[in-house]
Amino acid sequence: MRHTNPNRRTTIQNASNTSRTTPASVASTAGKAALVLALSAAFGLATTSAQNKDTKTEKCFGVSLKGQNDCAAGAGTTCAGSSKTDYQANAWKLVPAGTCVKTVSNTSPTGFGQLKEFTAKKA
């Protein structure tokens, strides 16, 4: 019986000159697959991040739903995901440039998102 280097693929050859793969080589293959998957995911995130930087966005106040704001939700909040109500006037969401003032906001005086924080209209 002959063994190859254990740091590489482990193959066992028997007298009839047939070979079989051992669990060590399966683990090695699984490790390589995990590495490829991790690198692919990292590259995908980097690409997405680069695409987001190329896309023009603007902060739009009063359009996020409760707990779904990107930031600036006023005193007593910690930022992203901390808005207490739907369409909160002092919480913003990043939207594609040019779409904010066309996005519905139930609390805005104009009925649409605002580029700056505003005082919510009375219901």
N, C-alpha and C. Protein backbone atom coordinates (compact mmCIF):
# COMPACT_ATOMS: atom_id res chain seq x y z
N MET A 1 0.84 -1.16 0.00
CA MET A 1 0.00 0.00 0.00
C MET A 1 0.89 1.24 0.00
N ARG A 2 0.56 2.26 -0.80
CA ARG A 2 1.38 3.46 -0.90
C ARG A 2 0.56 4.68 -0.52
N HIS A 3 1.14 5.58 0.27
CA HIS A 3 0.46 6.81 0.67
C HIS A 3 1.16 8.00 0.05
N THR A 4 0.38 8.98 -0.35
CA THR A 4 0.99 10.21 -0.85
C THR A 4 1.15 11.19 0.30
N ASN A 5 1.73 12.31 0.06
CA ASN A 5 1.97 13.35 1.07
C ASN A 5 0.66 13.71 1.77
N PRO A 6 0.58 13.64 3.11
CA PRO A 6 -0.67 13.93 3.81
C PRO A 6 -1.08 15.39 3.73
N ASN A 7 -0.16 16.28 3.41
CA ASN A 7 -0.51 17.69 3.27
C ASN A 7 -1.18 17.98 1.93
N ARG A 8 -1.14 17.05 1.08
CA ARG A 8 -1.80 17.20 -0.20
C ARG A 8 -3.01 16.26 -0.23
N ARG A 9 -3.37 15.78 -1.34
CA ARG A 9 -4.49 14.87 -1.45
C ARG A 9 -4.08 13.49 -0.97
N THR A 10 -4.89 12.92 -0.10
CA THR A 10 -4.57 11.61 0.45
C THR A 10 -5.23 10.54 -0.42
N THR A 11 -4.40 9.77 -1.09
CA THR A 11 -4.89 8.70 -1.95
C THR A 11 -4.24 7.40 -1.52
N ILE A 12 -5.02 6.38 -1.43
CA ILE A 12 -4.50 5.07 -1.05
C ILE A 12 -4.66 4.16 -2.26
N GLN A 13 -3.55 3.54 -2.64
CA GLN A 13 -3.58 2.59 -3.74
C GLN A 13 -3.41 1.20 -3.17
N ASN A 14 -4.28 0.30 -3.56
CA ASN A 14 -4.16 -1.07 -3.04
C ASN A 14 -3.55 -1.98 -4.11
N ALA A 15 -3.47 -3.24 -3.81
CA ALA A 15 -2.81 -4.21 -4.69
C ALA A 15 -3.45 -4.29 -6.07
N SER A 16 -4.74 -4.09 -6.19
CA SER A 16 -5.39 -4.20 -7.48
C SER A 16 -5.27 -2.90 -8.28
N ASN A 17 -4.45 -1.96 -7.80
CA ASN A 17 -4.15 -0.70 -8.48
C ASN A 17 -5.39 0.20 -8.64
N THR A 18 -6.32 0.09 -7.72
CA THR A 18 -7.45 1.02 -7.69
C THR A 18 -7.21 1.99 -6.55
N SER A 19 -7.74 3.14 -6.64
CA SER A 19 -7.52 4.10 -5.57
C SER A 19 -8.86 4.61 -5.04
N ARG A 20 -8.82 5.11 -3.82
CA ARG A 20 -10.02 5.67 -3.20
C ARG A 20 -9.62 6.93 -2.44
N THR A 21 -10.55 7.81 -2.27
CA THR A 21 -10.29 9.06 -1.56
C THR A 21 -10.63 8.87 -0.10
N THR A 22 -9.77 9.35 0.77
CA THR A 22 -9.98 9.21 2.21
C THR A 22 -10.66 10.46 2.76
N PRO A 23 -11.19 10.39 3.99
CA PRO A 23 -11.83 11.55 4.61
C PRO A 23 -10.92 12.77 4.68
N ALA A 24 -9.60 12.57 4.79
CA ALA A 24 -8.67 13.69 4.85
C ALA A 24 -8.75 14.52 3.57
N SER A 25 -8.86 13.85 2.42
CA SER A 25 -8.93 14.61 1.17
C SER A 25 -10.28 15.27 1.02
N VAL A 26 -11.32 14.66 1.55
CA VAL A 26 -12.64 15.28 1.51
C VAL A 26 -12.64 16.56 2.34
N ALA A 27 -12.02 16.50 3.53
CA ALA A 27 -11.93 17.69 4.38
C ALA A 27 -11.12 18.77 3.69
N SER A 28 -10.03 18.37 3.02
CA SER A 28 -9.21 19.34 2.30
C SER A 28 -10.01 20.00 1.19
N THR A 29 -10.79 19.23 0.46
CA THR A 29 -11.62 19.75 -0.60
C THR A 29 -12.69 20.68 -0.03
N ALA A 30 -13.28 20.30 1.08
CA ALA A 30 -14.31 21.15 1.71
C ALA A 30 -13.69 22.46 2.18
N GLY A 31 -12.48 22.40 2.71
CA GLY A 31 -11.78 23.62 3.14
C GLY A 31 -11.52 24.55 1.97
N LYS A 32 -11.09 23.98 0.86
CA LYS A 32 -10.84 24.78 -0.34
C LYS A 32 -12.14 25.40 -0.85
N ALA A 33 -13.21 24.64 -0.82
CA ALA A 33 -14.50 25.16 -1.28
C ALA A 33 -14.97 26.31 -0.38
N ALA A 34 -14.76 26.16 0.92
CA ALA A 34 -15.14 27.23 1.85
C ALA A 34 -14.33 28.48 1.59
N LEU A 35 -13.05 28.33 1.31
CA LEU A 35 -12.20 29.48 1.02
C LEU A 35 -12.65 30.18 -0.25
N VAL A 36 -12.94 29.41 -1.29
CA VAL A 36 -13.43 29.99 -2.54
C VAL A 36 -14.74 30.73 -2.31
N LEU A 37 -15.63 30.16 -1.54
CA LEU A 37 -16.92 30.79 -1.25
C LEU A 37 -16.72 32.10 -0.48
N ALA A 38 -15.84 32.08 0.52
CA ALA A 38 -15.58 33.29 1.31
C ALA A 38 -14.98 34.38 0.45
N LEU A 39 -14.03 34.03 -0.40
CA LEU A 39 -13.42 35.04 -1.28
C LEU A 39 -14.44 35.58 -2.29
N SER A 40 -15.30 34.72 -2.79
CA SER A 40 -16.33 35.16 -3.73
C SER A 40 -17.29 36.14 -3.05
N ALA A 41 -17.67 35.83 -1.83
CA ALA A 41 -18.58 36.71 -1.09
C ALA A 41 -17.92 38.05 -0.81
N ALA A 42 -16.66 38.03 -0.42
CA ALA A 42 -15.94 39.27 -0.15
C ALA A 42 -15.83 40.12 -1.41
N PHE A 43 -15.54 39.49 -2.52
CA PHE A 43 -15.44 40.22 -3.78
C PHE A 43 -16.79 40.80 -4.16
N GLY A 44 -17.85 40.03 -3.95
CA GLY A 44 -19.20 40.50 -4.26
C GLY A 44 -19.58 41.72 -3.42
N LEU A 45 -19.23 41.70 -2.13
CA LEU A 45 -19.52 42.84 -1.27
C LEU A 45 -18.72 44.06 -1.70
N ALA A 46 -17.47 43.86 -2.08
CA ALA A 46 -16.64 44.98 -2.52
C ALA A 46 -17.21 45.59 -3.79
N THR A 47 -17.69 44.75 -4.70
CA THR A 47 -18.28 45.23 -5.93
C THR A 47 -19.55 46.01 -5.65
N THR A 48 -20.40 45.48 -4.76
CA THR A 48 -21.63 46.16 -4.40
C THR A 48 -21.33 47.50 -3.77
N SER A 49 -20.34 47.53 -2.90
CA SER A 49 -19.95 48.76 -2.23
C SER A 49 -19.48 49.79 -3.26
N ALA A 50 -18.69 49.35 -4.23
CA ALA A 50 -18.20 50.26 -5.26
C ALA A 50 -19.35 50.77 -6.11
N GLN A 51 -20.33 49.93 -6.41
CA GLN A 51 -21.49 50.36 -7.18
C GLN A 51 -22.28 51.40 -6.42
N ASN A 52 -22.43 51.22 -5.10
CA ASN A 52 -23.16 52.18 -4.29
C ASN A 52 -22.48 53.53 -4.29
N LYS A 53 -21.16 53.55 -4.31
CA LYS A 53 -20.42 54.81 -4.33
C LYS A 53 -20.63 55.53 -5.65
N ASP A 54 -20.80 54.77 -6.74
CA ASP A 54 -21.00 55.37 -8.05
C ASP A 54 -22.41 55.91 -8.20
N THR A 55 -23.37 55.34 -7.49
CA THR A 55 -24.76 55.76 -7.57
C THR A 55 -24.96 57.00 -6.72
N LYS A 56 -25.53 58.03 -7.29
CA LYS A 56 -25.79 59.26 -6.55
C LYS A 56 -27.01 59.04 -5.67
N THR A 57 -26.87 59.38 -4.41
CA THR A 57 -27.98 59.25 -3.46
C THR A 57 -28.14 60.55 -2.70
N GLU A 58 -29.26 60.66 -2.00
CA GLU A 58 -29.50 61.82 -1.15
C GLU A 58 -30.23 61.38 0.10
N LYS A 59 -30.05 62.15 1.16
CA LYS A 59 -30.76 61.89 2.41
C LYS A 59 -32.17 62.42 2.24
N CYS A 60 -33.14 61.58 2.55
CA CYS A 60 -34.54 61.96 2.40
C CYS A 60 -35.24 61.80 3.75
N PHE A 61 -35.67 62.92 4.33
CA PHE A 61 -36.32 62.92 5.64
C PHE A 61 -37.81 62.63 5.50
N GLY A 62 -38.33 61.87 6.46
CA GLY A 62 -39.77 61.62 6.54
C GLY A 62 -40.31 60.52 5.65
N VAL A 63 -39.45 59.67 5.11
CA VAL A 63 -39.94 58.62 4.22
C VAL A 63 -39.73 57.21 4.75
N SER A 64 -38.91 57.05 5.78
CA SER A 64 -38.63 55.69 6.28
C SER A 64 -39.75 55.20 7.19
N LEU A 65 -39.90 53.91 7.22
CA LEU A 65 -40.87 53.30 8.12
C LEU A 65 -40.22 53.09 9.49
N LYS A 66 -41.03 52.85 10.49
CA LYS A 66 -40.55 52.67 11.86
C LYS A 66 -39.42 51.64 11.90
N GLY A 67 -38.28 52.05 12.49
CA GLY A 67 -37.13 51.15 12.65
C GLY A 67 -36.35 50.88 11.38
N GLN A 68 -36.65 51.57 10.27
CA GLN A 68 -35.95 51.29 9.02
C GLN A 68 -35.20 52.50 8.48
N ASN A 69 -34.98 53.51 9.32
CA ASN A 69 -34.23 54.69 8.87
C ASN A 69 -32.74 54.36 8.77
N ASP A 70 -32.04 55.15 7.98
CA ASP A 70 -30.59 54.98 7.86
C ASP A 70 -29.86 55.73 8.96
N CYS A 71 -30.39 56.87 9.40
CA CYS A 71 -29.75 57.59 10.49
C CYS A 71 -30.55 58.84 10.85
N ALA A 72 -29.98 59.63 11.78
CA ALA A 72 -30.53 60.90 12.24
C ALA A 72 -31.99 60.82 12.67
N ALA A 73 -32.23 60.12 13.74
CA ALA A 73 -33.60 59.98 14.22
C ALA A 73 -33.85 60.81 15.48
N GLY A 74 -33.03 61.79 15.72
CA GLY A 74 -33.28 62.73 16.81
C GLY A 74 -32.78 62.27 18.17
N ALA A 75 -33.05 63.13 19.14
CA ALA A 75 -32.61 62.87 20.52
C ALA A 75 -33.18 61.56 21.05
N GLY A 76 -32.37 60.84 21.80
CA GLY A 76 -32.82 59.60 22.43
C GLY A 76 -32.75 58.39 21.51
N THR A 77 -32.19 58.56 20.31
CA THR A 77 -32.06 57.42 19.40
C THR A 77 -30.58 57.18 19.12
N THR A 78 -30.25 56.02 18.62
CA THR A 78 -28.85 55.67 18.38
C THR A 78 -28.46 55.71 16.92
N CYS A 79 -29.33 56.02 16.06
CA CYS A 79 -29.07 56.20 14.62
C CYS A 79 -29.84 55.17 13.80
N ALA A 80 -29.14 54.43 12.93
CA ALA A 80 -29.80 53.53 11.99
C ALA A 80 -30.77 52.57 12.68
N GLY A 81 -31.97 52.46 12.13
CA GLY A 81 -32.97 51.54 12.65
C GLY A 81 -33.62 51.97 13.94
N SER A 82 -33.50 53.23 14.30
CA SER A 82 -34.00 53.67 15.61
C SER A 82 -35.20 54.61 15.54
N SER A 83 -35.76 54.83 14.37
CA SER A 83 -36.93 55.70 14.31
C SER A 83 -38.10 55.05 15.03
N LYS A 84 -38.87 55.86 15.73
CA LYS A 84 -39.97 55.35 16.57
C LYS A 84 -41.31 55.26 15.85
N THR A 85 -41.45 56.00 14.75
CA THR A 85 -42.73 56.00 14.02
C THR A 85 -42.48 55.95 12.52
N ASP A 86 -43.49 55.56 11.77
CA ASP A 86 -43.42 55.64 10.31
C ASP A 86 -43.36 57.10 9.90
N TYR A 87 -42.58 57.40 8.87
CA TYR A 87 -42.46 58.74 8.29
C TYR A 87 -42.00 59.78 9.30
N GLN A 88 -41.15 59.40 10.23
CA GLN A 88 -40.67 60.31 11.27
C GLN A 88 -39.91 61.47 10.61
N ALA A 89 -40.27 62.70 10.97
CA ALA A 89 -39.77 63.91 10.32
C ALA A 89 -38.27 64.14 10.49
N ASN A 90 -37.67 63.62 11.54
CA ASN A 90 -36.24 63.85 11.76
C ASN A 90 -35.40 62.61 11.50
N ALA A 91 -35.93 61.64 10.78
CA ALA A 91 -35.21 60.41 10.42
C ALA A 91 -35.08 60.37 8.90
N TRP A 92 -33.88 60.04 8.43
CA TRP A 92 -33.70 60.00 6.98
C TRP A 92 -33.35 58.61 6.46
N LYS A 93 -33.58 58.45 5.19
CA LYS A 93 -33.28 57.22 4.45
C LYS A 93 -32.54 57.63 3.19
N LEU A 94 -31.50 56.90 2.81
CA LEU A 94 -30.81 57.19 1.55
C LEU A 94 -31.68 56.70 0.40
N VAL A 95 -31.90 57.58 -0.56
CA VAL A 95 -32.70 57.25 -1.74
C VAL A 95 -31.93 57.70 -2.98
N PRO A 96 -32.25 57.16 -4.15
CA PRO A 96 -31.58 57.62 -5.37
C PRO A 96 -31.80 59.13 -5.56
N ALA A 97 -30.75 59.82 -5.99
CA ALA A 97 -30.83 61.27 -6.17
C ALA A 97 -32.01 61.64 -7.08
N GLY A 98 -32.73 62.66 -6.67
CA GLY A 98 -33.86 63.15 -7.46
C GLY A 98 -35.19 62.51 -7.14
N THR A 99 -35.20 61.50 -6.27
CA THR A 99 -36.46 60.81 -5.99
C THR A 99 -37.09 61.22 -4.66
N CYS A 100 -36.33 61.89 -3.80
CA CYS A 100 -36.84 62.21 -2.46
C CYS A 100 -38.13 63.01 -2.51
N VAL A 101 -38.12 64.10 -3.24
CA VAL A 101 -39.29 64.99 -3.25
C VAL A 101 -40.46 64.41 -4.04
N LYS A 102 -40.29 63.19 -4.56
CA LYS A 102 -41.37 62.48 -5.25
C LYS A 102 -41.88 61.30 -4.43
N THR A 103 -41.23 61.05 -3.28
CA THR A 103 -41.57 59.91 -2.42
C THR A 103 -42.59 60.35 -1.37
N VAL A 104 -43.66 59.61 -1.21
CA VAL A 104 -44.75 59.95 -0.30
C VAL A 104 -44.28 59.97 1.15
N SER A 105 -44.72 60.99 1.87
CA SER A 105 -44.47 61.11 3.30
C SER A 105 -45.74 61.62 3.95
N ASN A 106 -46.33 60.82 4.83
CA ASN A 106 -47.59 61.19 5.47
C ASN A 106 -47.44 62.32 6.49
N THR A 107 -46.21 62.61 6.91
CA THR A 107 -46.00 63.63 7.93
C THR A 107 -45.49 64.95 7.38
N SER A 108 -45.04 64.96 6.14
CA SER A 108 -44.46 66.16 5.54
C SER A 108 -45.54 67.18 5.17
N PRO A 109 -45.25 68.47 5.33
CA PRO A 109 -46.21 69.50 4.94
C PRO A 109 -46.60 69.44 3.46
N THR A 110 -45.68 68.95 2.61
CA THR A 110 -45.96 68.85 1.18
C THR A 110 -46.54 67.49 0.80
N GLY A 111 -46.47 66.52 1.72
CA GLY A 111 -46.93 65.17 1.42
C GLY A 111 -45.86 64.30 0.79
N PHE A 112 -44.65 64.87 0.65
CA PHE A 112 -43.53 64.14 0.05
C PHE A 112 -42.29 64.29 0.94
N GLY A 113 -41.30 63.44 0.69
CA GLY A 113 -40.05 63.50 1.44
C GLY A 113 -39.40 64.86 1.32
N GLN A 114 -38.55 65.18 2.29
CA GLN A 114 -37.87 66.46 2.32
C GLN A 114 -36.35 66.24 2.38
N LEU A 115 -35.60 67.17 1.83
CA LEU A 115 -34.14 67.06 1.83
C LEU A 115 -33.54 67.53 3.15
N LYS A 116 -34.34 68.14 3.99
CA LYS A 116 -33.90 68.58 5.33
C LYS A 116 -34.93 68.15 6.34
N GLU A 117 -34.48 68.04 7.59
CA GLU A 117 -35.38 67.70 8.69
C GLU A 117 -36.50 68.74 8.73
N PHE A 118 -37.72 68.30 9.09
CA PHE A 118 -38.85 69.21 9.13
C PHE A 118 -39.71 68.94 10.35
N THR A 119 -40.65 69.82 10.61
CA THR A 119 -41.61 69.62 11.69
C THR A 119 -42.82 68.92 11.09
N ALA A 120 -43.19 67.80 11.68
CA ALA A 120 -44.31 67.01 11.14
C ALA A 120 -45.61 67.79 11.23
N LYS A 121 -46.45 67.62 10.20
CA LYS A 121 -47.75 68.29 10.21
C LYS A 121 -48.68 67.62 11.21
N LYS A 122 -49.62 68.33 11.69
CA LYS A 122 -50.60 67.80 12.66
C LYS A 122 -51.55 66.86 11.92
N ALA A 123 -51.91 65.79 12.54
CA ALA A 123 -52.80 64.80 11.91
C ALA A 123 -54.24 65.24 11.93
